[in-house]
């Protein structure tokens, strides 16, 4: 059973909620957006560690 907050899908959901679809689209290249839309890659795979930390820290997580 996954621990909430550590499941990559939970992290993706949190990151997506912080960015919104428009913000997410602006941050990703066309190739990254395509991979994300087709579920070939998660945001955890695409975004770098410092950006993920910054986005999660914005909510105090």
PDB file of N, CA and C in Angstrom:
ATOM      1  N   UNK A   1       0.844  -1.178   0.000  1.00  0.00           N
ATOM      2  CA  UNK A   1       0.000   0.000   0.000  1.00  0.00           C
ATOM      3  C   UNK A   1       0.886   1.236   0.000  1.00  0.00           C
ATOM      4  N   UNK A   2       0.716   2.131  -0.997  1.00  0.00           N
ATOM      5  CA  UNK A   2       1.566   3.318  -1.064  1.00  0.00           C
ATOM      6  C   UNK A   2       1.284   4.294   0.069  1.00  0.00           C
ATOM      7  N   UNK A   3       2.310   4.987   0.470  1.00  0.00           N
ATOM      8  CA  UNK A   3       2.181   6.020   1.490  1.00  0.00           C
ATOM      9  C   UNK A   3       1.757   7.311   0.797  1.00  0.00           C
ATOM     10  N   UNK A   4       0.646   7.957   1.234  1.00  0.00           N
ATOM     11  CA  UNK A   4       0.213   9.206   0.593  1.00  0.00           C
ATOM     12  C   UNK A   4       1.332  10.247   0.593  1.00  0.00           C
ATOM     13  N   UNK A   5       1.465  10.925  -0.528  1.00  0.00           N
ATOM     14  CA  UNK A   5       2.512  11.933  -0.656  1.00  0.00           C
ATOM     15  C   UNK A   5       3.806  11.389  -1.230  1.00  0.00           C
ATOM     16  N   UNK A   6       3.953  10.078  -1.247  1.00  0.00           N
ATOM     17  CA  UNK A   6       5.168   9.482  -1.788  1.00  0.00           C
ATOM     18  C   UNK A   6       4.903   8.685  -3.049  1.00  0.00           C
ATOM     19  N   UNK A   7       3.646   8.464  -3.345  1.00  0.00           N
ATOM     20  CA  UNK A   7       3.269   7.806  -4.586  1.00  0.00           C
ATOM     21  C   UNK A   7       3.505   8.803  -5.719  1.00  0.00           C
ATOM     22  N   UNK A   8       4.207   8.424  -6.769  1.00  0.00           N
ATOM     23  CA  UNK A   8       4.462   9.369  -7.865  1.00  0.00           C
ATOM     24  C   UNK A   8       3.190  10.005  -8.423  1.00  0.00           C
ATOM     25  N   UNK A   9       2.085   9.271  -8.440  1.00  0.00           N
ATOM     26  CA  UNK A   9       0.828   9.863  -8.916  1.00  0.00           C
ATOM     27  C   UNK A   9       0.345  10.954  -7.971  1.00  0.00           C
ATOM     28  N   UNK A  10       0.518  10.758  -6.658  1.00  0.00           N
ATOM     29  CA  UNK A  10       0.144  11.787  -5.689  1.00  0.00           C
ATOM     30  C   UNK A  10       1.001  13.034  -5.873  1.00  0.00           C
ATOM     31  N   UNK A  11       2.286  12.824  -6.092  1.00  0.00           N
ATOM     32  CA  UNK A  11       3.193  13.959  -6.289  1.00  0.00           C
ATOM     33  C   UNK A  11       2.845  14.675  -7.584  1.00  0.00           C
ATOM     34  N   UNK A  12       2.579  13.931  -8.644  1.00  0.00           N
ATOM     35  CA  UNK A  12       2.165  14.546  -9.901  1.00  0.00           C
ATOM     36  C   UNK A  12       0.891  15.378  -9.715  1.00  0.00           C
ATOM     37  N   UNK A  13      -0.078  14.826  -9.000  1.00  0.00           N
ATOM     38  CA  UNK A  13      -1.328  15.557  -8.757  1.00  0.00           C
ATOM     39  C   UNK A  13      -1.065  16.856  -8.001  1.00  0.00           C
ATOM     40  N   UNK A  14      -0.202  16.806  -7.012  1.00  0.00           N
ATOM     41  CA  UNK A  14       0.128  17.996  -6.231  1.00  0.00           C
ATOM     42  C   UNK A  14       0.850  19.025  -7.089  1.00  0.00           C
ATOM     43  N   UNK A  15       1.826  18.583  -7.872  1.00  0.00           N
ATOM     44  CA  UNK A  15       2.557  19.495  -8.747  1.00  0.00           C
ATOM     45  C   UNK A  15       1.621  20.122  -9.772  1.00  0.00           C
ATOM     46  N   UNK A  16       0.759  19.320 -10.346  1.00  0.00           N
ATOM     47  CA  UNK A  16      -0.180  19.832 -11.338  1.00  0.00           C
ATOM     48  C   UNK A  16      -1.133  20.857 -10.718  1.00  0.00           C
ATOM     49  N   UNK A  17      -1.558  20.615  -9.494  1.00  0.00           N
ATOM     50  CA  UNK A  17      -2.461  21.568  -8.844  1.00  0.00           C
ATOM     51  C   UNK A  17      -1.756  22.898  -8.561  1.00  0.00           C
ATOM     52  N   UNK A  18      -0.465  22.859  -8.275  1.00  0.00           N
ATOM     53  CA  UNK A  18       0.300  24.086  -8.034  1.00  0.00           C
ATOM     54  C   UNK A  18       0.513  24.877  -9.321  1.00  0.00           C
ATOM     55  N   UNK A  19       0.712  24.169 -10.401  1.00  0.00           N
ATOM     56  CA  UNK A  19       1.015  24.827 -11.671  1.00  0.00           C
ATOM     57  C   UNK A  19      -0.230  25.183 -12.471  1.00  0.00           C
ATOM     58  N   UNK A  20      -1.271  24.390 -12.355  1.00  0.00           N
ATOM     59  CA  UNK A  20      -2.427  24.545 -13.223  1.00  0.00           C
ATOM     60  C   UNK A  20      -2.046  24.091 -14.623  1.00  0.00           C
ATOM     61  N   UNK A  21      -3.033  23.810 -15.450  1.00  0.00           N
ATOM     62  CA  UNK A  21      -2.728  23.284 -16.783  1.00  0.00           C
ATOM     63  C   UNK A  21      -1.978  24.303 -17.619  1.00  0.00           C
ATOM     64  N   UNK A  22      -2.356  25.577 -17.530  1.00  0.00           N
ATOM     65  CA  UNK A  22      -1.660  26.602 -18.320  1.00  0.00           C
ATOM     66  C   UNK A  22      -0.211  26.745 -17.885  1.00  0.00           C
ATOM     67  N   UNK A  23       0.034  26.790 -16.584  1.00  0.00           N
ATOM     68  CA  UNK A  23       1.395  26.904 -16.078  1.00  0.00           C
ATOM     69  C   UNK A  23       2.235  25.688 -16.403  1.00  0.00           C
ATOM     70  N   UNK A  24       1.594  24.546 -16.338  1.00  0.00           N
ATOM     71  CA  UNK A  24       2.292  23.300 -16.665  1.00  0.00           C
ATOM     72  C   UNK A  24       2.701  23.296 -18.130  1.00  0.00           C
ATOM     73  N   UNK A  25       1.786  23.672 -18.987  1.00  0.00           N
ATOM     74  CA  UNK A  25       2.068  23.691 -20.427  1.00  0.00           C
ATOM     75  C   UNK A  25       3.206  24.656 -20.755  1.00  0.00           C
ATOM     76  N   UNK A  26       3.241  25.784 -20.062  1.00  0.00           N
ATOM     77  CA  UNK A  26       4.294  26.775 -20.309  1.00  0.00           C
ATOM     78  C   UNK A  26       5.676  26.271 -19.885  1.00  0.00           C
ATOM     79  N   UNK A  27       5.746  25.440 -18.875  1.00  0.00           N
ATOM     80  CA  UNK A  27       7.029  24.954 -18.362  1.00  0.00           C
ATOM     81  C   UNK A  27       7.607  23.800 -19.164  1.00  0.00           C
ATOM     82  N   UNK A  28       6.756  23.072 -19.869  1.00  0.00           N
ATOM     83  CA  UNK A  28       7.212  21.876 -20.560  1.00  0.00           C
ATOM     84  C   UNK A  28       7.461  22.147 -22.036  1.00  0.00           C
ATOM     85  N   UNK A  29       8.491  21.502 -22.555  1.00  0.00           N
ATOM     86  CA  UNK A  29       8.725  21.562 -23.995  1.00  0.00           C
ATOM     87  C   UNK A  29       7.624  20.775 -24.690  1.00  0.00           C
ATOM     88  N   UNK A  30       7.543  20.894 -25.991  1.00  0.00           N
ATOM     89  CA  UNK A  30       6.535  20.143 -26.754  1.00  0.00           C
ATOM     90  C   UNK A  30       6.688  18.640 -26.540  1.00  0.00           C
ATOM     91  N   UNK A  31       7.928  18.172 -26.516  1.00  0.00           N
ATOM     92  CA  UNK A  31       8.185  16.742 -26.337  1.00  0.00           C
ATOM     93  C   UNK A  31       7.788  16.288 -24.932  1.00  0.00           C
ATOM     94  N   UNK A  32       8.115  17.101 -23.923  1.00  0.00           N
ATOM     95  CA  UNK A  32       7.755  16.763 -22.549  1.00  0.00           C
ATOM     96  C   UNK A  32       6.239  16.757 -22.375  1.00  0.00           C
ATOM     97  N   UNK A  33       5.570  17.776 -22.935  1.00  0.00           N
ATOM     98  CA  UNK A  33       4.116  17.867 -22.838  1.00  0.00           C
ATOM     99  C   UNK A  33       3.464  16.636 -23.480  1.00  0.00           C
ATOM    100  N   UNK A  34       3.949  16.251 -24.647  1.00  0.00           N
ATOM    101  CA  UNK A  34       3.419  15.080 -25.354  1.00  0.00           C
ATOM    102  C   UNK A  34       3.593  13.818 -24.510  1.00  0.00           C
ATOM    103  N   UNK A  35       4.775  13.628 -23.943  1.00  0.00           N
ATOM    104  CA  UNK A  35       5.042  12.459 -23.104  1.00  0.00           C
ATOM    105  C   UNK A  35       4.140  12.462 -21.873  1.00  0.00           C
ATOM    106  N   UNK A  36       3.964  13.625 -21.259  1.00  0.00           N
ATOM    107  CA  UNK A  36       3.106  13.726 -20.080  1.00  0.00           C
ATOM    108  C   UNK A  36       1.648  13.440 -20.441  1.00  0.00           C
ATOM    109  N   UNK A  37       1.171  13.992 -21.532  1.00  0.00           N
ATOM    110  CA  UNK A  37      -0.210  13.791 -21.954  1.00  0.00           C
ATOM    111  C   UNK A  37      -0.505  12.325 -22.292  1.00  0.00           C
ATOM    112  N   UNK A  38       0.480  11.623 -22.824  1.00  0.00           N
ATOM    113  CA  UNK A  38       0.305  10.214 -23.182  1.00  0.00           C
ATOM    114  C   UNK A  38       0.734   9.272 -22.059  1.00  0.00           C
ATOM    115  N   UNK A  39       1.023   9.858 -20.893  1.00  0.00           N
ATOM    116  CA  UNK A  39       1.428   9.101 -19.705  1.00  0.00           C
ATOM    117  C   UNK A  39       2.675   8.260 -19.930  1.00  0.00           C
ATOM    118  N   UNK A  40       3.546   8.735 -20.834  1.00  0.00           N
ATOM    119  CA  UNK A  40       4.842   8.080 -21.043  1.00  0.00           C
ATOM    120  C   UNK A  40       5.859   8.556 -20.009  1.00  0.00           C
ATOM    121  N   UNK A  41       5.580   9.713 -19.379  1.00  0.00           N
ATOM    122  CA  UNK A  41       6.466  10.265 -18.363  1.00  0.00           C
ATOM    123  C   UNK A  41       5.616  11.017 -17.345  1.00  0.00           C
ATOM    124  N   UNK A  42       6.049  11.000 -16.096  1.00  0.00           N
ATOM    125  CA  UNK A  42       5.361  11.746 -15.046  1.00  0.00           C
ATOM    126  C   UNK A  42       6.079  13.080 -14.845  1.00  0.00           C
ATOM    127  N   UNK A  43       5.459  13.967 -14.105  1.00  0.00           N
ATOM    128  CA  UNK A  43       6.116  15.243 -13.797  1.00  0.00           C
ATOM    129  C   UNK A  43       7.373  15.016 -12.976  1.00  0.00           C
ATOM    130  N   UNK A  44       7.363  13.984 -12.153  1.00  0.00           N
ATOM    131  CA  UNK A  44       8.551  13.644 -11.370  1.00  0.00           C
ATOM    132  C   UNK A  44       9.707  13.285 -12.304  1.00  0.00           C
ATOM    133  N   UNK A  45       9.400  12.663 -13.432  1.00  0.00           N
ATOM    134  CA  UNK A  45      10.415  12.311 -14.419  1.00  0.00           C
ATOM    135  C   UNK A  45      10.891  13.536 -15.192  1.00  0.00           C
ATOM    136  N   UNK A  46       9.975  14.461 -15.452  1.00  0.00           N
ATOM    137  CA  UNK A  46      10.260  15.583 -16.346  1.00  0.00           C
ATOM    138  C   UNK A  46      10.908  16.764 -15.634  1.00  0.00           C
ATOM    139  N   UNK A  47      10.356  17.161 -14.495  1.00  0.00           N
ATOM    140  CA  UNK A  47      10.866  18.346 -13.786  1.00  0.00           C
ATOM    141  C   UNK A  47      12.127  18.003 -13.015  1.00  0.00           C
ATOM    142  N   UNK A  48      13.010  18.983 -12.860  1.00  0.00           N
ATOM    143  CA  UNK A  48      14.218  18.712 -12.083  1.00  0.00           C
ATOM    144  C   UNK A  48      13.915  18.814 -10.589  1.00  0.00           C
ATOM    145  N   UNK A  49      14.782  18.236  -9.807  1.00  0.00           N
ATOM    146  CA  UNK A  49      14.581  18.123  -8.368  1.00  0.00           C
ATOM    147  C   UNK A  49      14.352  19.472  -7.693  1.00  0.00           C
ATOM    148  N   UNK A  50      15.126  20.478  -8.060  1.00  0.00           N
ATOM    149  CA  UNK A  50      14.982  21.782  -7.406  1.00  0.00           C
ATOM    150  C   UNK A  50      13.633  22.416  -7.717  1.00  0.00           C
ATOM    151  N   UNK A  51      13.131  22.226  -8.929  1.00  0.00           N
ATOM    152  CA  UNK A  51      11.825  22.777  -9.282  1.00  0.00           C
ATOM    153  C   UNK A  51      10.705  22.060  -8.525  1.00  0.00           C
ATOM    154  N   UNK A  52      10.814  20.758  -8.383  1.00  0.00           N
ATOM    155  CA  UNK A  52       9.830  19.993  -7.621  1.00  0.00           C
ATOM    156  C   UNK A  52       9.829  20.454  -6.170  1.00  0.00           C
ATOM    157  N   UNK A  53      11.000  20.591  -5.587  1.00  0.00           N
ATOM    158  CA  UNK A  53      11.091  21.052  -4.191  1.00  0.00           C
ATOM    159  C   UNK A  53      10.498  22.435  -4.021  1.00  0.00           C
ATOM    160  N   UNK A  54      10.777  23.328  -4.949  1.00  0.00           N
ATOM    161  CA  UNK A  54      10.254  24.691  -4.866  1.00  0.00           C
ATOM    162  C   UNK A  54       8.732  24.684  -4.926  1.00  0.00           C
ATOM    163  N   UNK A  55       8.171  23.902  -5.828  1.00  0.00           N
ATOM    164  CA  UNK A  55       6.711  23.831  -5.963  1.00  0.00           C
ATOM    165  C   UNK A  55       6.060  23.208  -4.735  1.00  0.00           C
ATOM    166  N   UNK A  56       6.658  22.181  -4.196  1.00  0.00           N
ATOM    167  CA  UNK A  56       6.097  21.542  -3.000  1.00  0.00           C
ATOM    168  C   UNK A  56       6.248  22.427  -1.789  1.00  0.00           C
ATOM    169  N   UNK A  57       7.351  23.151  -1.656  1.00  0.00           N
ATOM    170  CA  UNK A  57       7.558  24.052  -0.538  1.00  0.00           C
ATOM    171  C   UNK A  57       6.594  25.231  -0.558  1.00  0.00           C
ATOM    172  N   UNK A  58       6.093  25.586  -1.712  1.00  0.00           N
ATOM    173  CA  UNK A  58       5.150  26.706  -1.828  1.00  0.00           C
ATOM    174  C   UNK A  58       3.876  26.429  -1.045  1.00  0.00           C
ATOM    175  N   UNK A  59       3.576  25.146  -0.827  1.00  0.00           N
ATOM    176  CA  UNK A  59       2.371  24.764  -0.088  1.00  0.00           C
ATOM    177  C   UNK A  59       2.714  24.297   1.320  1.00  0.00           C
ATOM    178  N   UNK A  60       3.982  24.360   1.685  1.00  0.00           N
ATOM    179  CA  UNK A  60       4.403  23.920   3.022  1.00  0.00           C
ATOM    180  C   UNK A  60       4.495  22.421   3.156  1.00  0.00           C
ATOM    181  N   UNK A  61       4.529  21.695   2.041  1.00  0.00           N
ATOM    182  CA  UNK A  61       4.658  20.222   2.087  1.00  0.00           C
ATOM    183  C   UNK A  61       6.097  19.829   2.222  1.00  0.00           C
TER     184      UNK A  61
END
